[in-house]
C-alpha atoms as a PDB file:
ATOM      1  CA  MET A   1      -4.181 -56.367  -7.480  1.00  0.00           C
ATOM      2  CA  ASP A   2      -4.884 -56.764  -3.766  1.00  0.00           C
ATOM      3  CA  SER A   3      -8.669 -56.839  -3.401  1.00  0.00           C
ATOM      4  CA  SER A   4      -8.305 -55.389   0.094  1.00  0.00           C
ATOM      5  CA  ALA A   5      -7.031 -52.088  -1.341  1.00  0.00           C
ATOM      6  CA  THR A   6      -9.558 -49.335  -0.679  1.00  0.00           C
ATOM      7  CA  THR A   7      -8.578 -46.697  -3.244  1.00  0.00           C
ATOM      8  CA  THR A   8      -6.772 -46.366  -6.537  1.00  0.00           C
ATOM      9  CA  LEU A   9      -6.078 -43.720  -9.179  1.00  0.00           C
ATOM     10  CA  PHE A  10      -6.610 -43.744 -12.913  1.00  0.00           C
ATOM     11  CA  PRO A  11      -6.321 -40.956 -15.528  1.00  0.00           C
ATOM     12  CA  LEU A  12      -9.744 -39.447 -16.144  1.00  0.00           C
ATOM     13  CA  HIS A  13      -9.405 -39.482 -19.917  1.00  0.00           C
ATOM     14  CA  ARG A  14      -8.932 -43.251 -19.822  1.00  0.00           C
ATOM     15  CA  THR A  15     -12.367 -43.761 -18.307  1.00  0.00           C
ATOM     16  CA  LYS A  16     -15.923 -43.756 -19.590  1.00  0.00           C
ATOM     17  CA  ILE A  17     -19.217 -43.572 -17.741  1.00  0.00           C
ATOM     18  CA  LEU A  18     -21.769 -46.179 -18.776  1.00  0.00           C
ATOM     19  CA  HIS A  19     -25.426 -46.073 -17.837  1.00  0.00           C
ATOM     20  CA  LEU A  20     -26.561 -49.670 -18.186  1.00  0.00           C
ATOM     21  CA  VAL A  21     -30.264 -50.355 -18.648  1.00  0.00           C
ATOM     22  CA  ARG A  22     -32.149 -53.617 -18.919  1.00  0.00           C
ATOM     23  CA  HIS A  23     -35.275 -53.378 -21.071  1.00  0.00           C
ATOM     24  CA  ALA A  24     -38.669 -53.039 -19.410  1.00  0.00           C
ATOM     25  CA  GLN A  25     -41.008 -55.994 -18.972  1.00  0.00           C
ATOM     26  CA  GLY A  26     -41.731 -57.779 -22.230  1.00  0.00           C
ATOM     27  CA  VAL A  27     -44.432 -60.249 -23.165  1.00  0.00           C
ATOM     28  CA  HIS A  28     -41.814 -63.007 -23.099  1.00  0.00           C
ATOM     29  CA  ASN A  29     -40.974 -62.185 -19.462  1.00  0.00           C
ATOM     30  CA  VAL A  30     -44.574 -62.826 -18.431  1.00  0.00           C
ATOM     31  CA  GLU A  31     -44.684 -66.115 -20.310  1.00  0.00           C
ATOM     32  CA  GLY A  32     -41.216 -67.099 -19.145  1.00  0.00           C
ATOM     33  CA  GLU A  33     -42.219 -66.730 -15.509  1.00  0.00           C
ATOM     34  CA  LYS A  34     -45.014 -69.228 -16.146  1.00  0.00           C
ATOM     35  CA  ASP A  35     -42.862 -71.620 -18.155  1.00  0.00           C
ATOM     36  CA  PHE A  36     -39.127 -71.017 -18.572  1.00  0.00           C
ATOM     37  CA  SER A  37     -39.095 -72.929 -21.855  1.00  0.00           C
ATOM     38  CA  ALA A  38     -41.072 -70.045 -23.380  1.00  0.00           C
ATOM     39  CA  TYR A  39     -37.791 -68.119 -23.630  1.00  0.00           C
ATOM     40  CA  LYS A  40     -36.729 -70.586 -26.318  1.00  0.00           C
ATOM     41  CA  SER A  41     -39.887 -70.103 -28.336  1.00  0.00           C
ATOM     42  CA  GLU A  42     -39.620 -68.359 -31.684  1.00  0.00           C
ATOM     43  CA  GLU A  43     -43.022 -66.828 -30.916  1.00  0.00           C
ATOM     44  CA  PHE A  44     -41.422 -64.558 -28.301  1.00  0.00           C
ATOM     45  CA  PHE A  45     -38.002 -64.003 -29.801  1.00  0.00           C
ATOM     46  CA  ASP A  46     -38.713 -60.342 -30.561  1.00  0.00           C
ATOM     47  CA  ALA A  47     -41.338 -59.657 -27.901  1.00  0.00           C
ATOM     48  CA  GLN A  48     -42.680 -56.161 -27.353  1.00  0.00           C
ATOM     49  CA  LEU A  49     -43.282 -54.460 -24.025  1.00  0.00           C
ATOM     50  CA  THR A  50     -46.312 -55.166 -21.878  1.00  0.00           C
ATOM     51  CA  PRO A  51     -48.542 -52.362 -20.518  1.00  0.00           C
ATOM     52  CA  LEU A  52     -46.632 -52.708 -17.234  1.00  0.00           C
ATOM     53  CA  GLY A  53     -43.398 -52.438 -19.210  1.00  0.00           C
ATOM     54  CA  TRP A  54     -44.509 -49.110 -20.685  1.00  0.00           C
ATOM     55  CA  GLU A  55     -45.293 -47.851 -17.171  1.00  0.00           C
ATOM     56  CA  GLN A  56     -41.758 -48.830 -16.155  1.00  0.00           C
ATOM     57  CA  VAL A  57     -40.384 -46.909 -19.131  1.00  0.00           C
ATOM     58  CA  ASP A  58     -42.368 -43.813 -18.179  1.00  0.00           C
ATOM     59  CA  ASN A  59     -40.988 -43.979 -14.632  1.00  0.00           C
ATOM     60  CA  LEU A  60     -37.439 -44.402 -15.917  1.00  0.00           C
ATOM     61  CA  HIS A  61     -37.877 -41.472 -18.302  1.00  0.00           C
ATOM     62  CA  GLU A  62     -38.970 -39.287 -15.385  1.00  0.00           C
ATOM     63  CA  HIS A  63     -35.971 -40.408 -13.321  1.00  0.00           C
ATOM     64  CA  ILE A  64     -33.533 -39.710 -16.172  1.00  0.00           C
ATOM     65  CA  HIS A  65     -34.924 -36.198 -16.483  1.00  0.00           C
ATOM     66  CA  GLU A  66     -34.946 -35.509 -12.740  1.00  0.00           C
ATOM     67  CA  CYS A  67     -31.334 -36.590 -12.190  1.00  0.00           C
ATOM     68  CA  GLY A  68     -30.088 -34.789 -15.306  1.00  0.00           C
ATOM     69  CA  LEU A  69     -28.914 -37.804 -17.291  1.00  0.00           C
ATOM     70  CA  ASP A  70     -30.830 -36.570 -20.330  1.00  0.00           C
ATOM     71  CA  LYS A  71     -28.355 -33.681 -20.511  1.00  0.00           C
ATOM     72  CA  LYS A  72     -25.243 -35.784 -19.889  1.00  0.00           C
ATOM     73  CA  VAL A  73     -25.647 -38.868 -22.073  1.00  0.00           C
ATOM     74  CA  GLU A  74     -23.947 -38.317 -25.424  1.00  0.00           C
ATOM     75  CA  LEU A  75     -25.018 -41.540 -27.102  1.00  0.00           C
ATOM     76  CA  VAL A  76     -27.543 -44.318 -26.547  1.00  0.00           C
ATOM     77  CA  VAL A  77     -26.416 -47.728 -27.789  1.00  0.00           C
ATOM     78  CA  VAL A  78     -29.237 -50.222 -28.022  1.00  0.00           C
ATOM     79  CA  SER A  79     -29.725 -53.894 -28.831  1.00  0.00           C
ATOM     80  CA  PRO A  80     -31.646 -54.349 -32.103  1.00  0.00           C
ATOM     81  CA  LEU A  81     -34.693 -56.023 -30.539  1.00  0.00           C
ATOM     82  CA  LEU A  82     -38.096 -54.382 -30.300  1.00  0.00           C
ATOM     83  CA  ARG A  83     -38.292 -54.377 -26.489  1.00  0.00           C
ATOM     84  CA  THR A  84     -34.916 -52.662 -26.132  1.00  0.00           C
ATOM     85  CA  LEU A  85     -35.696 -50.151 -28.878  1.00  0.00           C
ATOM     86  CA  GLN A  86     -39.005 -49.328 -27.207  1.00  0.00           C
ATOM     87  CA  THR A  87     -37.284 -48.928 -23.834  1.00  0.00           C
ATOM     88  CA  ALA A  88     -34.495 -46.760 -25.241  1.00  0.00           C
ATOM     89  CA  VAL A  89     -36.811 -44.408 -27.130  1.00  0.00           C
ATOM     90  CA  GLY A  90     -39.308 -44.184 -24.283  1.00  0.00           C
ATOM     91  CA  ALA A  91     -36.700 -43.593 -21.597  1.00  0.00           C
ATOM     92  CA  PHE A  92     -34.256 -41.301 -23.386  1.00  0.00           C
ATOM     93  CA  GLY A  93     -36.655 -39.587 -25.780  1.00  0.00           C
ATOM     94  CA  ALA A  94     -36.112 -38.433 -29.335  1.00  0.00           C
ATOM     95  CA  THR A  95     -32.401 -38.880 -29.392  1.00  0.00           C
ATOM     96  CA  THR A  96     -29.783 -40.455 -31.615  1.00  0.00           C
ATOM     97  CA  LEU A  97     -29.603 -44.205 -31.148  1.00  0.00           C
ATOM     98  CA  MET A  98     -26.852 -46.480 -32.316  1.00  0.00           C
ATOM     99  CA  VAL A  99     -28.069 -50.010 -32.910  1.00  0.00           C
ATOM    100  CA  ALA A 100     -25.232 -52.360 -32.013  1.00  0.00           C
ATOM    101  CA  ASN A 101     -24.462 -55.896 -30.926  1.00  0.00           C
ATOM    102  CA  ALA A 102     -25.308 -55.115 -27.328  1.00  0.00           C
ATOM    103  CA  GLY A 103     -27.694 -57.876 -26.464  1.00  0.00           C
ATOM    104  CA  ASN A 104     -29.199 -61.230 -27.285  1.00  0.00           C
ATOM    105  CA  SER A 105     -28.176 -63.114 -30.382  1.00  0.00           C
ATOM    106  CA  ASN A 106     -31.663 -63.001 -31.909  1.00  0.00           C
ATOM    107  CA  ARG A 107     -33.213 -60.017 -33.681  1.00  0.00           C
ATOM    108  CA  SER A 108     -35.598 -59.005 -36.433  1.00  0.00           C
ATOM    109  CA  ALA A 109     -34.522 -58.333 -39.981  1.00  0.00           C
ATOM    110  CA  ILE A 110     -32.979 -54.886 -40.355  1.00  0.00           C
ATOM    111  CA  SER A 111     -35.714 -53.709 -42.703  1.00  0.00           C
ATOM    112  CA  SER A 112     -38.391 -54.628 -40.142  1.00  0.00           C
ATOM    113  CA  LEU A 113     -36.914 -52.882 -37.088  1.00  0.00           C
ATOM    114  CA  ASN A 114     -39.850 -50.980 -35.615  1.00  0.00           C
ATOM    115  CA  ILE A 115     -38.185 -47.633 -34.951  1.00  0.00           C
ATOM    116  CA  PRO A 116     -40.243 -44.423 -34.654  1.00  0.00           C
ATOM    117  CA  PRO A 117     -39.612 -42.163 -37.655  1.00  0.00           C
ATOM    118  CA  PHE A 118     -38.624 -39.150 -35.544  1.00  0.00           C
ATOM    119  CA  VAL A 119     -35.650 -40.969 -34.046  1.00  0.00           C
ATOM    120  CA  ALA A 120     -32.278 -40.871 -35.793  1.00  0.00           C
ATOM    121  CA  VAL A 121     -30.724 -44.313 -35.884  1.00  0.00           C
ATOM    122  CA  GLU A 122     -27.280 -45.404 -36.937  1.00  0.00           C
ATOM    123  CA  LEU A 123     -26.734 -49.068 -37.730  1.00  0.00           C
ATOM    124  CA  CYS A 124     -23.307 -49.799 -36.373  1.00  0.00           C
ATOM    125  CA  ARG A 125     -21.899 -52.065 -39.056  1.00  0.00           C
ATOM    126  CA  GLU A 126     -18.513 -52.619 -37.443  1.00  0.00           C
ATOM    127  CA  GLN A 127     -20.032 -53.841 -34.182  1.00  0.00           C
ATOM    128  CA  LEU A 128     -23.092 -55.654 -35.284  1.00  0.00           C
ATOM    129  CA  ILE A 129     -25.385 -55.402 -38.082  1.00  0.00           C
ATOM    130  CA  LYS A 130     -23.589 -56.883 -41.027  1.00  0.00           C
ATOM    131  CA  ASP A 131     -26.457 -59.054 -42.254  1.00  0.00           C
ATOM    132  CA  GLU A 132     -30.037 -58.177 -43.104  1.00  0.00           C
ATOM    133  CA  GLU A 133     -31.352 -61.286 -41.348  1.00  0.00           C
ATOM    134  CA  ASP A 134     -30.283 -62.650 -37.971  1.00  0.00           C
ATOM    135  CA  VAL A 135     -27.675 -65.324 -38.682  1.00  0.00           C
ATOM    136  CA  LEU A 136     -27.053 -66.206 -35.034  1.00  0.00           C
ATOM    137  CA  TRP A 137     -30.481 -67.254 -33.805  1.00  0.00           C
ATOM    138  CA  GLU A 138     -31.484 -70.925 -33.828  1.00  0.00           C
ATOM    139  CA  ALA A 139     -34.830 -72.261 -32.705  1.00  0.00           C
ATOM    140  CA  ASP A 140     -34.763 -74.043 -29.321  1.00  0.00           C
ATOM    141  CA  VAL A 141     -31.073 -73.202 -28.814  1.00  0.00           C
ATOM    142  CA  ARG A 142     -29.868 -70.766 -26.164  1.00  0.00           C
ATOM    143  CA  GLU A 143     -26.493 -69.128 -26.577  1.00  0.00           C
ATOM    144  CA  SER A 144     -23.903 -70.390 -24.083  1.00  0.00           C
ATOM    145  CA  LYS A 145     -22.819 -68.186 -21.181  1.00  0.00           C
ATOM    146  CA  GLU A 146     -19.270 -68.253 -22.530  1.00  0.00           C
ATOM    147  CA  ALA A 147     -20.381 -67.019 -25.949  1.00  0.00           C
ATOM    148  CA  VAL A 148     -22.444 -64.215 -24.402  1.00  0.00           C
ATOM    149  CA  ALA A 149     -19.482 -63.166 -22.228  1.00  0.00           C
ATOM    150  CA  THR A 150     -17.190 -63.118 -25.256  1.00  0.00           C
ATOM    151  CA  ARG A 151     -19.567 -60.889 -27.202  1.00  0.00           C
ATOM    152  CA  GLY A 152     -19.971 -58.709 -24.140  1.00  0.00           C
ATOM    153  CA  MET A 153     -16.261 -58.081 -23.731  1.00  0.00           C
ATOM    154  CA  GLU A 154     -15.904 -57.400 -27.450  1.00  0.00           C
ATOM    155  CA  PHE A 155     -18.650 -54.819 -27.044  1.00  0.00           C
ATOM    156  CA  ILE A 156     -16.976 -53.194 -24.025  1.00  0.00           C
ATOM    157  CA  ASN A 157     -13.712 -52.972 -25.954  1.00  0.00           C
ATOM    158  CA  TRP A 158     -15.555 -51.489 -28.923  1.00  0.00           C
ATOM    159  CA  LEU A 159     -16.895 -48.722 -26.689  1.00  0.00           C
ATOM    160  CA  TRP A 160     -13.310 -47.495 -26.313  1.00  0.00           C
ATOM    161  CA  THR A 161     -13.263 -46.702 -30.019  1.00  0.00           C
ATOM    162  CA  ARG A 162     -16.082 -44.218 -29.501  1.00  0.00           C
ATOM    163  CA  LYS A 163     -15.334 -40.553 -28.826  1.00  0.00           C
ATOM    164  CA  GLU A 164     -18.256 -40.189 -26.407  1.00  0.00           C
ATOM    165  CA  LYS A 165     -17.384 -40.262 -22.713  1.00  0.00           C
ATOM    166  CA  GLU A 166     -20.861 -40.833 -21.248  1.00  0.00           C
ATOM    167  CA  ILE A 167     -22.901 -43.541 -22.943  1.00  0.00           C
ATOM    168  CA  ALA A 168     -26.184 -45.288 -22.186  1.00  0.00           C
ATOM    169  CA  VAL A 169     -26.550 -48.948 -23.137  1.00  0.00           C
ATOM    170  CA  VAL A 170     -30.028 -50.486 -23.329  1.00  0.00           C
ATOM    171  CA  THR A 171     -29.817 -54.243 -23.482  1.00  0.00           C
ATOM    172  CA  HIS A 172     -30.803 -57.556 -21.878  1.00  0.00           C
ATOM    173  CA  ARG A 173     -30.384 -59.276 -18.523  1.00  0.00           C
ATOM    174  CA  ALA A 174     -28.282 -62.198 -19.765  1.00  0.00           C
ATOM    175  CA  PHE A 175     -25.979 -59.929 -21.766  1.00  0.00           C
ATOM    176  CA  LEU A 176     -25.447 -57.674 -18.755  1.00  0.00           C
ATOM    177  CA  ARG A 177     -25.013 -60.539 -16.319  1.00  0.00           C
ATOM    178  CA  GLN A 178     -22.468 -62.497 -18.352  1.00  0.00           C
ATOM    179  CA  THR A 179     -20.525 -59.394 -19.387  1.00  0.00           C
ATOM    180  CA  LEU A 180     -20.306 -57.956 -15.875  1.00  0.00           C
ATOM    181  CA  ALA A 181     -19.287 -61.368 -14.533  1.00  0.00           C
ATOM    182  CA  GLU A 182     -16.050 -60.898 -16.500  1.00  0.00           C
ATOM    183  CA  LEU A 183     -15.278 -57.628 -14.702  1.00  0.00           C
ATOM    184  CA  GLY A 184     -14.498 -56.548 -11.168  1.00  0.00           C
ATOM    185  CA  ASP A 185     -12.161 -59.371 -10.091  1.00  0.00           C
ATOM    186  CA  ASP A 186      -9.805 -56.761  -8.609  1.00  0.00           C
ATOM    187  CA  CYS A 187     -12.565 -55.286  -6.429  1.00  0.00           C
ATOM    188  CA  HIS A 188     -13.680 -56.071  -2.899  1.00  0.00           C
ATOM    189  CA  ILE A 189     -16.124 -58.970  -2.771  1.00  0.00           C
ATOM    190  CA  THR A 190     -18.945 -56.603  -1.752  1.00  0.00           C
ATOM    191  CA  VAL A 191     -18.277 -54.448  -4.815  1.00  0.00           C
ATOM    192  CA  GLN A 192     -18.150 -57.563  -7.001  1.00  0.00           C
ATOM    193  CA  LYS A 193     -21.592 -58.556  -5.771  1.00  0.00           C
ATOM    194  CA  GLU A 194     -22.872 -55.061  -6.473  1.00  0.00           C
ATOM    195  CA  ILE A 195     -21.468 -55.136 -10.005  1.00  0.00           C
ATOM    196  CA  ARG A 196     -22.745 -58.628 -10.790  1.00  0.00           C
ATOM    197  CA  LYS A 197     -26.202 -58.457  -9.239  1.00  0.00           C
ATOM    198  CA  PRO A 198     -28.848 -59.425 -11.836  1.00  0.00           C
ATOM    199  CA  PHE A 199     -30.775 -56.517 -13.353  1.00  0.00           C
ATOM    200  CA  ALA A 200     -34.500 -56.069 -12.813  1.00  0.00           C
ATOM    201  CA  ASN A 201     -36.704 -54.992 -15.715  1.00  0.00           C
ATOM    202  CA  CYS A 202     -36.046 -51.332 -16.580  1.00  0.00           C
ATOM    203  CA  GLU A 203     -33.299 -51.027 -13.958  1.00  0.00           C
ATOM    204  CA  LEU A 204     -30.612 -48.425 -14.639  1.00  0.00           C
ATOM    205  CA  ARG A 205     -27.172 -48.783 -13.105  1.00  0.00           C
ATOM    206  CA  SER A 206     -24.299 -46.335 -13.687  1.00  0.00           C
ATOM    207  CA  VAL A 207     -20.702 -47.577 -13.755  1.00  0.00           C
ATOM    208  CA  VAL A 208     -17.257 -46.331 -14.705  1.00  0.00           C
ATOM    209  CA  ILE A 209     -15.038 -48.421 -16.947  1.00  0.00           C
ATOM    210  CA  ILE A 210     -11.304 -47.852 -17.227  1.00  0.00           C
ATOM    211  CA  ASP A 211      -8.924 -48.506 -20.086  1.00  0.00           C
ATOM    212  CA  ARG A 212      -6.123 -50.557 -18.525  1.00  0.00           C
ATOM    213  CA  GLY A 213      -4.905 -51.932 -21.846  1.00  0.00           C
ATOM    214  CA  LEU A 214      -4.587 -48.666 -23.786  1.00  0.00           C
ATOM    215  CA  ILE A 215      -7.385 -49.700 -26.140  1.00  0.00           C
ATOM    216  CA  GLY A 216      -8.500 -46.112 -26.629  1.00  0.00           C
ATOM    217  CA  SER A 217      -6.323 -43.265 -27.837  1.00  0.00           C
ATOM    218  CA  ASP A 218      -8.127 -40.191 -26.529  1.00  0.00           C
ATOM    219  CA  THR A 219      -6.094 -37.410 -24.997  1.00  0.00           C
ATOM    220  CA  SER A 220      -7.239 -35.447 -21.979  1.00  0.00           C
ATOM    221  CA  VAL A 221      -9.158 -32.233 -22.521  1.00  0.00           C
ATOM    222  CA  THR A 222      -8.557 -31.050 -18.944  1.00  0.00           C
ATOM    223  CA  ASN A 223      -4.903 -31.928 -18.250  1.00  0.00           C
ATOM    224  CA  TYR A 224      -2.510 -28.955 -18.354  1.00  0.00           C
ATOM    225  CA  PRO A 225       1.242 -29.424 -18.848  1.00  0.00           C
ATOM    226  CA  GLY A 226       2.402 -26.667 -16.481  1.00  0.00           C
ATOM    227  CA  LYS A 227       5.509 -24.740 -17.518  1.00  0.00           C
ATOM    228  CA  ILE A 228       5.186 -23.403 -21.033  1.00  0.00           C
ATOM    229  CA  PRO A 229       7.625 -23.158 -22.663  1.00  0.00           C
ATOM    230  CA  ILE A 230       9.566 -26.002 -21.053  1.00  0.00           C
ATOM    231  CA  GLY A 231      12.237 -24.568 -18.796  1.00  0.00           C
ATOM    232  CA  LEU A 232      12.780 -22.955 -15.427  1.00  0.00           C
ATOM    233  CA  ASP A 233       9.943 -21.327 -13.579  1.00  0.00           C
ATOM    234  CA  LEU A 234      11.911 -18.051 -13.628  1.00  0.00           C
ATOM    235  CA  PRO A 235      10.027 -15.983 -11.048  1.00  0.00           C
ATOM    236  CA  SER A 236      10.393 -18.651  -8.339  1.00  0.00           C
ATOM    237  CA  ASP A 237      14.033 -19.462  -9.189  1.00  0.00           C
ATOM    238  CA  ALA A 238      14.985 -15.790  -9.377  1.00  0.00           C
ATOM    239  CA  ALA A 239      13.396 -15.162  -5.987  1.00  0.00           C
ATOM    240  CA  LEU A 240      15.443 -17.943  -4.413  1.00  0.00           C
ATOM    241  CA  ASP A 241      18.675 -16.524  -5.903  1.00  0.00           C
ATOM    242  CA  LYS A 242      17.993 -13.254  -4.079  1.00  0.00           C
ATOM    243  CA  HIS A 243      17.605 -14.959  -0.714  1.00  0.00           C
ATOM    244  CA  PRO A 244      20.441 -17.498  -0.246  1.00  0.00           C
ATOM    245  CA  ALA A 245      19.481 -18.063   3.401  1.00  0.00           C
ATOM    246  CA  GLU A 246      16.130 -19.289   2.304  1.00  0.00           C
ATOM    247  CA  GLN A 247      17.456 -21.759  -0.261  1.00  0.00           C
ATOM    248  CA  GLY A 248      16.282 -24.840   1.578  1.00  0.00           C
ATOM    249  CA  ALA A 249      14.186 -27.446  -0.118  1.00  0.00           C
ATOM    250  CA  PRO A 250      11.451 -25.392  -1.801  1.00  0.00           C
ATOM    251  CA  ASN A 251       7.897 -26.585  -1.902  1.00  0.00           C
ATOM    252  CA  SER A 252       7.102 -28.350  -5.157  1.00  0.00           C
END
């Protein structure tokens, strides 16, 4: 597609709105800024939010309420790490969360996920949590960018199997960065930069994804087929028969 093109069309029912959120500041972020190798430390692999992180969550929660997203989002999909769970619950409130493979490759055991009891949680077995323990994480080993991007695109494709049209995803910077780097090649370079800009802690960015490959099978709830039953639009055709002089090319 010519990246200089300014507009395009796509059927509405083959789109979804995603509200992408990076988790708020975690303890590991503070340590990682001092020494980047701290990100590889098992000590911080499931870090919780800092006091500043909780302030960020409160501010995001207020923004979500003020702009009406709390009434629009149909599902919150969250990475199974403590900092993302804390961000999701704090920002979106007592809602239904779906824990899915939407983030880093390391996580706590399923039985130890620290989820508030008033929040309904679904463990999405087909997209993530097939094992009690984390079988992907290795000490002192960081997942390759290519592997993260592959998981990210699998996740995006999985979203098309969901019936919800407006979904929030609370995840991690690397997951967002490598996934979004795979998208937007058909956009203007300025739009590409906007899409691929790294996320700050607790940043929310809303995007629209489109189903070019017919991955989803939803039908439109707003399209209307017109003439029912199929046939001539009799009033218009009959009117033209009565006025032969006016039988030029009718407006369609």
